[in-house]
Protein backbone atom coordinates (compact mmCIF):
# COMPACT_ATOMS: atom_id res chain seq x y z
CA MET A 1 0.00 0.00 0.00
CA LEU A 2 2.90 2.30 0.86
CA SER A 3 4.54 1.57 -2.47
CA GLY A 4 1.28 2.45 -4.21
CA PHE A 5 1.23 5.76 -2.33
CA HIS A 6 4.75 6.57 -3.49
CA LYS A 7 3.82 5.54 -6.99
CA ASN A 8 0.81 7.84 -7.01
CA ARG A 9 2.87 10.68 -5.58
CA ASN A 10 5.53 10.26 -8.27
CA MET A 11 2.81 10.18 -10.88
CA MET A 12 1.37 13.39 -9.45
CA ARG A 13 4.80 15.09 -9.60
CA LYS A 14 5.19 14.06 -13.24
CA LYS A 15 1.76 15.46 -14.07
CA ILE A 16 2.57 18.74 -12.34
CA LEU A 17 5.92 18.96 -14.11
CA LEU A 18 4.27 18.13 -17.45
CA PHE A 19 1.62 20.80 -16.77
CA VAL A 20 4.28 23.41 -16.05
CA VAL A 21 6.24 22.53 -19.19
CA LEU A 22 3.13 22.53 -21.37
CA SER A 23 2.02 25.83 -19.86
CA ILE A 24 5.34 27.42 -20.67
CA LEU A 25 5.29 26.04 -24.20
CA ALA A 26 1.72 27.17 -24.73
CA LEU A 27 2.67 30.58 -23.41
CA ALA A 28 5.59 30.70 -25.78
CA ILE A 29 3.43 29.82 -28.78
CA SER A 30 0.48 32.05 -27.94
CA ALA A 31 2.24 35.11 -26.54
CA ALA A 32 5.60 34.99 -28.35
CA ALA A 33 6.72 38.22 -26.73
CA HIS A 34 10.27 37.79 -27.99
CA PRO A 35 10.32 38.54 -31.72
CA LEU A 36 12.64 35.63 -32.53
CA GLY A 37 10.81 33.15 -30.33
CA ASN A 38 11.02 32.29 -26.70
CA PHE A 39 13.98 29.89 -27.15
CA SER A 40 16.40 32.33 -28.79
CA VAL A 41 19.77 33.50 -27.44
CA ASN A 42 20.87 36.64 -29.28
CA HIS A 43 24.21 38.43 -29.57
CA TYR A 44 25.30 41.91 -30.61
CA SER A 45 28.84 43.27 -31.02
CA ARG A 46 30.09 46.74 -31.98
CA ILE A 47 33.80 47.29 -32.60
CA GLU A 48 35.39 50.75 -32.53
CA VAL A 49 39.06 51.33 -33.31
CA GLU A 50 40.79 54.45 -32.02
CA LYS A 51 44.38 55.60 -32.41
CA SER A 52 45.73 53.54 -29.51
CA LYS A 53 42.71 51.59 -28.25
CA VAL A 54 40.06 49.27 -29.52
CA LYS A 55 36.63 49.19 -27.87
CA LEU A 56 34.02 46.46 -27.97
CA ARG A 57 30.39 46.74 -26.99
CA ALA A 58 28.83 43.29 -26.44
CA VAL A 59 25.18 42.53 -25.67
CA LEU A 60 23.59 39.18 -24.76
CA ASP A 61 19.80 38.88 -24.99
CA MET A 62 18.16 35.70 -23.67
CA ALA A 63 14.50 35.02 -24.41
CA GLU A 64 12.01 33.64 -21.86
CA ILE A 65 12.93 29.93 -21.98
CA PRO A 66 16.74 30.30 -21.68
CA THR A 67 16.15 32.87 -18.94
CA PHE A 68 13.90 30.41 -17.10
CA GLN A 69 16.65 27.80 -17.33
CA GLU A 70 19.34 30.18 -16.09
CA SER A 71 17.10 31.40 -13.26
CA GLN A 72 17.57 28.10 -11.49
CA ALA A 73 21.28 28.83 -11.13
CA ILE A 74 20.79 32.54 -10.43
CA ASP A 75 18.26 32.02 -7.61
CA THR A 76 20.80 30.76 -5.07
CA ASP A 77 18.55 31.27 -2.05
CA LYS A 78 15.66 29.46 -3.81
CA SER A 79 13.26 32.27 -2.94
CA GLY A 80 11.57 32.21 -6.34
CA SER A 81 12.66 35.77 -7.15
CA LEU A 82 15.94 37.14 -8.48
CA SER A 83 17.48 39.78 -6.27
CA GLU A 84 19.89 42.47 -7.47
CA GLU A 85 22.69 40.79 -5.54
CA GLU A 86 21.99 37.45 -7.21
CA LEU A 87 21.88 39.05 -10.66
CA ASN A 88 25.18 40.87 -10.14
CA HIS A 89 26.79 37.65 -8.86
CA TYR A 90 25.55 35.81 -11.95
CA ALA A 91 26.85 38.55 -14.27
CA GLU A 92 30.23 38.40 -12.57
CA LYS A 93 30.25 34.62 -12.82
CA ILE A 94 29.60 34.33 -16.57
CA SER A 95 31.52 37.43 -17.68
CA THR A 96 34.94 35.77 -17.67
CA ALA A 97 33.88 32.89 -19.92
CA TYR A 98 31.78 35.10 -22.20
CA ILE A 99 34.57 37.66 -22.75
CA ALA A 100 37.08 34.86 -23.33
CA ASN A 101 34.94 33.69 -26.27
CA LEU A 102 35.06 37.12 -27.92
CA LEU A 103 38.18 36.63 -30.05
CA LEU A 104 39.77 39.83 -31.33
CA SER A 105 43.11 40.08 -33.10
CA ILE A 106 45.01 42.77 -34.98
CA ASP A 107 47.59 41.74 -37.55
CA GLY A 108 47.40 38.23 -36.13
CA LYS A 109 48.09 39.30 -32.53
CA ALA A 110 45.38 38.48 -29.99
CA ILE A 111 43.99 41.49 -28.10
CA GLU A 112 43.23 41.15 -24.39
CA LEU A 113 39.85 42.74 -23.69
CA ARG A 114 39.39 44.35 -20.28
CA PRO A 115 35.92 45.13 -18.92
CA LEU A 116 35.16 48.81 -18.34
CA GLY A 117 31.64 48.13 -17.15
CA LYS A 118 28.77 45.69 -17.33
CA ASN A 119 25.06 45.75 -16.69
CA ILE A 120 22.40 43.10 -16.23
CA SER A 121 18.65 43.66 -16.39
CA LEU A 122 15.43 41.64 -16.64
CA PRO A 123 13.13 43.09 -19.32
CA ALA A 124 9.62 41.68 -19.10
CA GLY A 125 8.69 38.98 -21.61
CA ALA A 126 5.65 36.84 -22.40
CA GLY A 127 3.24 36.18 -19.55
CA ASN A 128 5.30 38.50 -17.39
CA LEU A 129 8.21 36.07 -17.56
CA PRO A 130 11.59 37.85 -17.40
CA THR A 131 14.25 37.89 -20.08
CA ILE A 132 17.95 38.41 -19.36
CA ARG A 133 19.88 41.27 -20.96
CA LEU A 134 23.62 41.54 -20.30
CA GLU A 135 25.77 44.39 -21.60
CA TRP A 136 29.56 44.71 -21.53
CA ASP A 137 31.84 47.61 -22.43
CA LEU A 138 35.33 46.27 -23.14
CA ILE A 139 38.63 47.87 -24.14
CA GLY A 140 41.98 46.64 -25.42
CA ASP A 141 45.35 48.15 -26.35
CA LEU A 142 46.52 48.27 -29.95
CA PRO A 143 49.83 46.43 -30.37
CA ASP A 144 52.78 48.49 -31.58
CA SER A 145 53.32 48.34 -35.30
CA GLU A 146 55.03 50.30 -38.03
CA ASN A 147 52.37 49.27 -40.51
CA GLN A 148 50.20 52.11 -41.70
CA ILE A 149 47.44 49.66 -42.57
CA ARG A 150 46.24 47.18 -39.94
CA ARG A 151 43.89 44.20 -40.25
CA VAL A 152 41.34 43.29 -37.60
CA LYS A 153 39.65 39.91 -37.14
CA TYR A 154 36.79 39.30 -34.72
CA GLU A 155 34.70 36.25 -33.83
CA ASN A 156 32.00 35.64 -31.23
CA LYS A 157 32.13 31.95 -30.22
CA ASN A 158 29.50 32.14 -27.46
CA ASN A 159 26.48 29.80 -27.65
CA PRO A 160 27.12 28.50 -31.17
CA GLU A 161 24.52 25.76 -30.68
CA ARG A 162 21.68 28.16 -29.80
CA ILE A 163 19.34 29.70 -32.33
CA GLY A 164 19.04 33.48 -32.38
CA TRP A 165 20.03 36.79 -33.89
CA ASN A 166 23.77 37.49 -34.27
CA GLU A 167 24.74 41.02 -35.31
CA ILE A 168 28.13 42.71 -35.71
CA VAL A 169 28.66 46.43 -36.32
CA VAL A 170 31.92 48.32 -36.97
CA GLY A 171 31.99 51.88 -35.67
CA ARG A 172 34.09 54.43 -37.49
CA THR A 173 35.70 56.90 -35.07
CA SER A 174 37.05 60.32 -35.97
CA GLY A 175 40.56 60.21 -37.46
CA ILE A 176 40.37 56.51 -38.41
CA ASN A 177 39.44 55.25 -41.88
CA ILE A 178 37.97 51.74 -42.11
CA PHE A 179 37.82 49.83 -45.39
CA ASP A 180 37.45 46.36 -46.92
CA SER A 181 35.12 45.30 -44.13
CA THR A 182 32.94 42.19 -44.08
CA ALA A 183 30.72 43.94 -41.51
CA PHE A 184 28.63 47.09 -41.88
CA GLY A 185 28.89 50.44 -40.13
CA SER A 186 25.27 50.46 -38.95
CA GLY A 187 23.05 48.13 -36.96
CA ILE A 188 19.49 46.95 -37.38
CA THR A 189 18.15 46.15 -33.91
CA ASP A 190 19.35 49.09 -31.78
CA GLU A 191 21.53 46.70 -29.77
CA LEU A 192 18.88 43.91 -29.73
CA LYS A 193 16.09 46.21 -28.53
CA ALA A 194 13.96 46.27 -31.69
CA TYR A 195 13.97 43.42 -34.20
CA PRO A 196 12.74 44.16 -37.75
CA GLN A 197 9.57 42.19 -38.49
CA GLU A 198 10.40 41.52 -42.13
CA THR A 199 13.66 39.65 -41.36
CA LEU A 200 12.58 37.45 -38.44
CA SER A 201 12.18 34.41 -40.67
CA SER A 202 15.88 34.64 -41.60
CA PRO A 203 17.73 36.28 -38.68
CA LEU A 204 21.26 37.62 -39.04
CA THR A 205 24.05 35.11 -38.52
CA GLU A 206 27.00 37.49 -38.22
CA ARG A 207 29.45 35.74 -35.90
CA ALA A 208 32.74 36.83 -37.47
CA ALA A 209 34.03 39.96 -39.18
CA GLU A 210 37.22 41.35 -40.70
CA PHE A 211 38.23 44.85 -41.70
CA SER A 212 41.28 47.03 -42.29
CA PHE A 213 41.94 50.47 -40.84
CA THR A 214 44.42 53.31 -41.14
CA SER A 215 44.83 56.86 -39.90
CA ASN A 216 45.98 57.85 -43.38
CA THR A 217 44.26 57.79 -46.76
CA ILE A 218 42.89 54.38 -47.76
CA PRO A 219 44.32 52.64 -50.84
CA SER A 220 42.70 53.60 -54.13
CA ASN A 221 41.39 50.10 -54.84
CA SER A 222 39.76 49.68 -51.43
CA LYS A 223 36.11 50.00 -50.39
CA ILE A 224 35.41 52.36 -47.49
CA LEU A 225 33.12 51.19 -44.67
CA GLN A 226 29.44 51.39 -45.62
CA ASN A 227 26.15 51.25 -43.75
CA ARG A 228 23.58 48.61 -44.54
CA ASP A 229 21.69 51.05 -46.76
CA GLY A 230 24.74 51.50 -49.00
CA HIS A 231 25.75 54.94 -47.71
CA ILE A 232 29.25 55.63 -46.44
CA SER A 233 29.44 55.33 -42.66
CA ALA A 234 29.96 58.62 -40.86
CA PRO A 235 32.59 58.80 -38.10
CA ILE A 236 31.45 58.63 -34.48
CA GLU A 237 32.26 61.93 -32.78
CA LYS A 238 33.22 61.53 -29.13
CA ASP A 239 31.57 63.71 -26.52
CA LYS A 240 34.69 65.43 -25.13
CA PHE A 241 32.91 66.96 -22.16
CA ALA A 242 31.23 63.72 -21.07
CA GLU A 243 34.58 61.90 -21.31
CA LEU A 244 36.18 64.18 -18.70
CA ILE A 245 34.57 62.17 -15.91
CA SER A 246 35.72 58.77 -17.21
CA VAL A 247 39.48 59.24 -16.80
CA PRO A 248 41.12 56.21 -15.11
CA GLU A 249 42.50 58.21 -12.18
CA ILE A 250 41.72 61.66 -10.79
CA THR A 251 44.84 63.62 -9.80
CA PRO A 252 45.30 67.36 -9.06
CA THR A 253 46.74 67.82 -12.55
CA ILE A 254 43.81 65.99 -14.13
CA ILE A 255 41.35 68.08 -12.09
CA LEU A 256 42.96 71.35 -13.19
CA PHE A 257 43.07 70.24 -16.81
CA GLY A 258 39.46 69.04 -16.60
CA LEU A 259 38.27 72.37 -15.22
CA LEU A 260 40.03 74.31 -17.98
CA VAL A 261 38.62 72.02 -20.66
CA ALA A 262 35.11 72.17 -19.12
CA PHE A 263 35.17 75.99 -19.14
CA GLY A 264 36.44 76.08 -22.73
CA LEU A 265 33.85 73.54 -23.91
CA GLY A 266 31.08 75.51 -22.17
CA ALA A 267 32.22 78.71 -23.86
CA ALA A 268 32.42 76.98 -27.24
CA HIS A 269 29.04 75.33 -26.67
CA ALA A 270 27.45 78.76 -26.23
CA LEU A 271 28.62 79.68 -29.73
CA SER A 272 26.70 76.78 -31.26
CA PRO A 273 23.19 77.44 -32.62
CA GLY A 274 20.28 77.84 -30.24
CA HIS A 275 21.88 79.25 -27.11
CA GLY A 276 20.38 82.71 -26.92
CA LYS A 277 23.16 84.83 -28.42
CA ALA A 278 20.78 86.51 -30.84
CA VAL A 279 18.24 87.07 -28.07
CA VAL A 280 20.81 88.59 -25.68
CA GLY A 281 22.22 90.88 -28.36
CA ALA A 282 18.81 91.93 -29.67
CA TYR A 283 17.57 92.69 -26.16
CA LEU A 284 20.49 94.93 -25.27
CA ILE A 285 20.41 96.88 -28.55
CA GLY A 286 18.75 100.19 -27.83
CA SER A 287 18.54 99.50 -24.09
CA ARG A 288 20.14 101.49 -21.32
CA GLY A 289 22.03 98.47 -20.10
CA THR A 290 25.18 98.43 -18.01
CA PRO A 291 27.92 95.85 -17.46
CA LYS A 292 26.14 95.05 -14.19
CA HIS A 293 23.10 93.96 -16.18
CA ALA A 294 25.20 91.77 -18.48
CA LEU A 295 26.88 90.09 -15.50
CA PHE A 296 23.51 89.47 -13.86
CA LEU A 297 22.31 87.87 -17.07
CA GLY A 298 25.34 85.58 -17.17
CA ALA A 299 24.90 84.60 -13.52
CA THR A 300 21.25 83.74 -14.12
CA VAL A 301 22.16 81.51 -17.08
CA THR A 302 24.80 79.74 -14.96
CA VAL A 303 22.51 79.03 -12.04
CA THR A 304 19.56 77.98 -14.21
CA HIS A 305 21.60 75.69 -16.44
CA THR A 306 23.40 74.03 -13.52
CA LEU A 307 20.21 73.46 -11.53
CA GLY A 308 18.50 72.15 -14.67
CA VAL A 309 21.23 69.56 -15.26
CA PHE A 310 21.14 68.45 -11.62
CA ALA A 311 17.34 68.23 -11.53
CA LEU A 312 16.98 66.28 -14.77
CA GLY A 313 19.89 64.02 -13.84
CA ILE A 314 18.27 63.14 -10.51
CA VAL A 315 14.93 62.50 -12.21
CA MET A 316 16.55 60.22 -14.80
CA TYR A 317 18.53 58.33 -12.15
CA PHE A 318 15.73 57.71 -9.66
CA ALA A 319 12.62 57.77 -11.84
CA SER A 320 13.84 56.60 -15.25
CA ALA A 321 11.17 53.89 -15.33
CA TYR A 322 8.40 56.48 -15.07
CA ILE A 323 9.74 59.62 -16.74
CA LEU A 324 11.51 59.70 -20.10
CA PRO A 325 13.92 62.61 -20.65
CA GLU A 326 12.98 62.90 -24.32
CA ARG A 327 9.43 63.63 -23.15
CA ILE A 328 10.59 66.34 -20.72
CA MET A 329 12.93 68.24 -23.04
CA PRO A 330 10.21 69.54 -25.44
CA TYR A 331 8.26 70.98 -22.50
CA LEU A 332 11.36 72.76 -21.23
CA SER A 333 12.06 74.05 -24.73
CA PHE A 334 8.46 75.28 -25.06
CA ALA A 335 8.66 77.09 -21.70
CA SER A 336 11.92 78.72 -22.79
CA GLY A 337 10.34 79.79 -26.07
CA LEU A 338 7.32 81.28 -24.30
CA LEU A 339 9.58 83.41 -22.09
CA VAL A 340 11.50 84.69 -25.11
CA LEU A 341 8.29 85.34 -27.05
CA PHE A 342 6.77 87.29 -24.13
CA ILE A 343 9.89 89.42 -23.72
CA GLY A 344 10.05 90.09 -27.47
CA LEU A 345 6.42 91.12 -27.78
CA THR A 346 6.63 93.37 -24.70
CA LEU A 347 9.76 95.09 -25.97
CA PHE A 348 8.30 95.44 -29.46
CA LYS A 349 5.20 97.17 -28.12
CA ASN A 350 7.13 99.52 -25.82
CA ARG A 351 9.81 100.43 -28.34
CA LEU A 352 7.29 100.97 -31.12
CA ARG A 353 5.19 103.29 -28.93
CA SER A 354 8.33 105.13 -27.89
CA ILE A 355 9.57 105.74 -31.42
CA LEU A 356 6.10 107.00 -32.39
CA GLY A 357 6.26 109.53 -29.56
CA TYR A 358 3.56 108.07 -27.31
CA GLU A 359 5.82 107.66 -24.29
CA THR A 360 8.01 110.06 -22.39
CA SER A 361 10.97 109.55 -20.17
CA GLY A 362 13.63 111.61 -18.53
CA HIS A 363 17.32 110.95 -18.72
CA HIS A 364 20.68 112.69 -18.71
CA HIS A 365 22.78 112.91 -21.83
CA GLY A 366 26.52 113.36 -21.85
CA GLU A 367 27.68 116.05 -19.47
CA ASP A 368 24.39 117.98 -19.73
CA SER A 369 21.62 117.46 -17.21
CA HIS A 370 18.56 118.53 -19.13
CA GLU A 371 15.26 116.94 -18.16
CA HIS A 372 12.87 116.05 -20.95
CA ASP A 373 9.99 114.78 -18.88
CA ASP A 374 7.43 116.81 -20.79
CA LEU A 375 8.65 115.95 -24.28
CA PRO A 376 8.08 112.86 -26.41
CA GLU A 377 11.15 110.71 -26.59
CA ASN A 378 11.65 111.40 -30.29
CA SER A 379 11.08 115.17 -30.12
CA THR A 380 13.75 117.52 -31.44
CA HIS A 381 15.73 119.58 -28.96
CA THR A 382 19.04 121.40 -28.68
CA HIS A 383 21.78 121.18 -26.11
CA GLY A 384 25.57 121.23 -26.20
CA GLY A 385 25.42 123.14 -29.48
CA SER A 386 23.74 120.27 -31.29
CA THR A 387 20.17 119.88 -32.46
CA HIS A 388 19.05 116.24 -32.62
CA THR A 389 16.50 113.68 -31.54
CA HIS A 390 17.24 110.84 -29.16
CA VAL A 391 16.91 107.24 -30.25
CA PRO A 392 14.23 105.76 -27.99
CA PRO A 393 16.19 103.65 -25.52
CA GLN A 394 14.28 101.46 -23.09
CA GLN A 395 15.19 100.94 -19.48
CA VAL A 396 16.54 97.45 -18.72
CA THR A 397 14.32 95.77 -16.15
CA TRP A 398 15.58 93.14 -13.73
CA ARG A 399 12.45 91.12 -14.37
CA ASN A 400 13.17 90.90 -18.09
CA LEU A 401 16.82 90.08 -17.43
CA LEU A 402 15.82 87.29 -15.04
CA ALA A 403 13.36 85.83 -17.54
CA LEU A 404 15.93 86.10 -20.33
CA GLY A 405 18.60 84.36 -18.23
CA ILE A 406 16.20 81.57 -17.27
CA SER A 407 15.21 81.04 -20.89
CA GLY A 408 18.90 80.77 -21.86
CA GLY A 409 19.74 78.17 -19.22
CA LEU A 410 16.43 76.31 -18.89
CA LEU A 411 17.23 73.60 -21.43
CA PRO A 412 20.05 71.37 -20.05
CA CYS A 413 22.91 70.51 -22.37
CA PRO A 414 22.83 66.75 -23.19
CA SER A 415 26.62 66.52 -22.75
CA ALA A 416 26.38 67.96 -19.23
CA LEU A 417 23.54 65.54 -18.49
CA VAL A 418 25.58 62.55 -19.67
CA LEU A 419 28.52 63.73 -17.55
CA MET A 420 26.36 63.98 -14.42
CA LEU A 421 24.90 60.50 -14.94
CA SER A 422 28.42 59.12 -15.50
CA ALA A 423 29.58 60.85 -12.32
CA ILE A 424 26.76 59.22 -10.35
CA ASN A 425 27.48 55.82 -11.91
CA MET A 426 31.23 56.05 -11.22
CA ASN A 427 30.77 57.50 -7.72
CA ARG A 428 32.49 60.75 -8.71
CA ILE A 429 29.56 62.99 -7.90
CA GLY A 430 31.60 65.84 -6.40
CA TYR A 431 33.90 66.07 -9.41
CA GLY A 432 30.90 65.85 -11.74
CA ILE A 433 29.14 68.73 -9.95
CA VAL A 434 32.23 70.93 -10.20
CA LEU A 435 32.74 70.13 -13.89
CA THR A 436 29.08 70.87 -14.64
CA LEU A 437 29.27 74.18 -12.78
CA VAL A 438 32.44 75.23 -14.61
CA PHE A 439 30.88 74.19 -17.93
CA SER A 440 27.88 76.42 -17.13
CA LEU A 441 30.24 79.25 -16.20
CA GLY A 442 31.91 78.97 -19.60
CA LEU A 443 28.49 79.02 -21.26
CA ALA A 444 27.46 82.09 -19.29
CA ALA A 445 30.80 83.85 -19.85
CA THR A 446 30.31 83.70 -23.60
CA LEU A 447 26.74 85.01 -23.40
CA THR A 448 27.89 87.76 -21.05
CA ALA A 449 30.69 88.72 -23.45
CA VAL A 450 28.20 88.80 -26.32
CA GLY A 451 25.97 91.03 -24.20
CA LEU A 452 28.81 93.43 -23.41
CA VAL A 453 29.79 93.68 -27.07
CA PHE A 454 26.24 94.58 -28.08
CA LEU A 455 25.90 96.83 -25.06
CA PHE A 456 28.89 99.02 -25.85
CA GLY A 457 28.30 98.75 -29.59
CA GLY A 458 24.78 100.04 -29.05
CA ARG A 459 26.13 103.27 -27.55
CA ILE A 460 26.69 104.54 -31.07
CA PHE A 461 22.93 105.01 -31.28
CA ASP A 462 23.25 107.91 -28.83
CA SER A 463 25.64 109.70 -31.17
CA PRO A 464 24.20 113.09 -32.31
CA ALA A 465 25.33 112.31 -35.87
CA LEU A 466 23.16 109.21 -36.02
CA SER A 467 20.27 110.20 -33.82
CA ASN A 468 18.21 111.63 -36.71
CA ASN A 469 18.79 108.60 -38.96
CA ARG A 470 15.50 106.78 -39.51
CA ILE A 471 17.16 103.41 -39.93
CA VAL A 472 19.03 103.80 -36.64
CA LYS A 473 15.81 104.75 -34.90
CA THR A 474 14.10 101.55 -36.05
CA VAL A 475 16.95 99.19 -35.01
CA PRO A 476 15.70 98.75 -31.40
CA VAL A 477 12.18 98.07 -32.68
CA PHE A 478 13.46 95.56 -35.24
CA SER A 479 15.65 93.83 -32.62
CA ALA A 480 12.59 93.38 -30.38
CA PHE A 481 10.75 91.85 -33.34
CA VAL A 482 13.67 89.45 -33.83
CA ILE A 483 13.38 88.35 -30.19
CA ALA A 484 9.68 87.62 -30.62
CA CYS A 485 10.37 85.64 -33.81
CA VAL A 486 13.07 83.57 -32.10
CA GLY A 487 10.67 82.76 -29.27
CA ALA A 488 7.96 81.74 -31.73
CA VAL A 489 10.39 79.46 -33.62
CA ILE A 490 11.50 77.79 -30.35
CA CYS A 491 7.87 77.14 -29.41
CA TYR A 492 7.08 75.74 -32.85
CA ASN A 493 10.11 73.41 -32.90
CA SER A 494 9.28 72.08 -29.42
CA LEU A 495 5.70 71.30 -30.53
CA VAL A 496 6.94 69.55 -33.65
């Protein structure tokens, strides 16, 4: 009787096990959340050659069934859930073997790949089953060679028996020409995040690649690296500011150099399109501004830009699952555009009324102290032996300056945002904050300098020789119209 009990219990276990297996298979067939099927193990590699280094980006994507199998080994405490500690331990455990199967050689010499970083995550799959995604950033040193042309060979020998997508991309960095490549310069799946529907029946099987590279001109009979669409691959431009935080070791010399570079990059960044130079200049033309006003404007830009980077960085770090930065940026851009549009329309109205003689104001001119409170701004009068009319300058208001400064610094620079996130990730938060602040100072210094140039250049409008010129009189009005147009364009682009 006891043996019959054990027999029935074993039969019950088999039925339960069969039910679980069939349920998983049915789930795989019906849901098929993973584009290539729930059994696939997929690989992605991107190779980038620099002047003295070679970098490799490797991604492993396991569908629901392989993940379920691996979960048994990952769940060491048998709790039924995978903790962050267990996932990190698993990633550490398999990294050595996985990297060892990424074979990279240059001119026949094997390259040792060192990990710069890795990440493991569990994207949701069919029936809320997890999938495993592992990412590695690897680097190796180029061997010394007198050859001007070098040949690279790469092969991924991981999981050759598993079905799945295998993709290799060669990245062309600035200063390096790549040619005669068996791989392309562009990917298809965005690092295994989006598989094209039309090619799922015949997935890529790119497990090996070869290419040549040189820092000089490629041979005339060679074929330069191309994308999959047939176009020549463009070089990948490195973000110089974001790379300041990723130096191997921080020393006093490195810190000083980093601060100088951050300031210079911030100043240069302000000269690129869309950073308020036209708005600052147009505002100060025809205004009674002072260097104090220009400095206040620069300080406002610095504070606003720095706080914006910090705020968006914190939001992305702690609430990235709920808030997408690409959704926030258009709203910030729209708010910036509204501020500029409001300032432009207000100035346009006031300056137009002033030039038409509807407003009066009193001021001192040169060494004379004649009040003109009872005269229209554009009325003719004589003093100092000269008969002329004043160009209608407008008083600079602190409120407008504050709004203008906020609009100039409201939209965080993506490079500064990347640097802050890297600083958090590498536990170099203090250094990242200082670099971001200095970058913002460089940005503000350029805008302040632009403001001072327009400020002192605008003093020529007070010259008696030009004061009666109709074109000169309309410059402040036209500059206000330009500000309003810039604001309108910013709003329109953010909506688009």
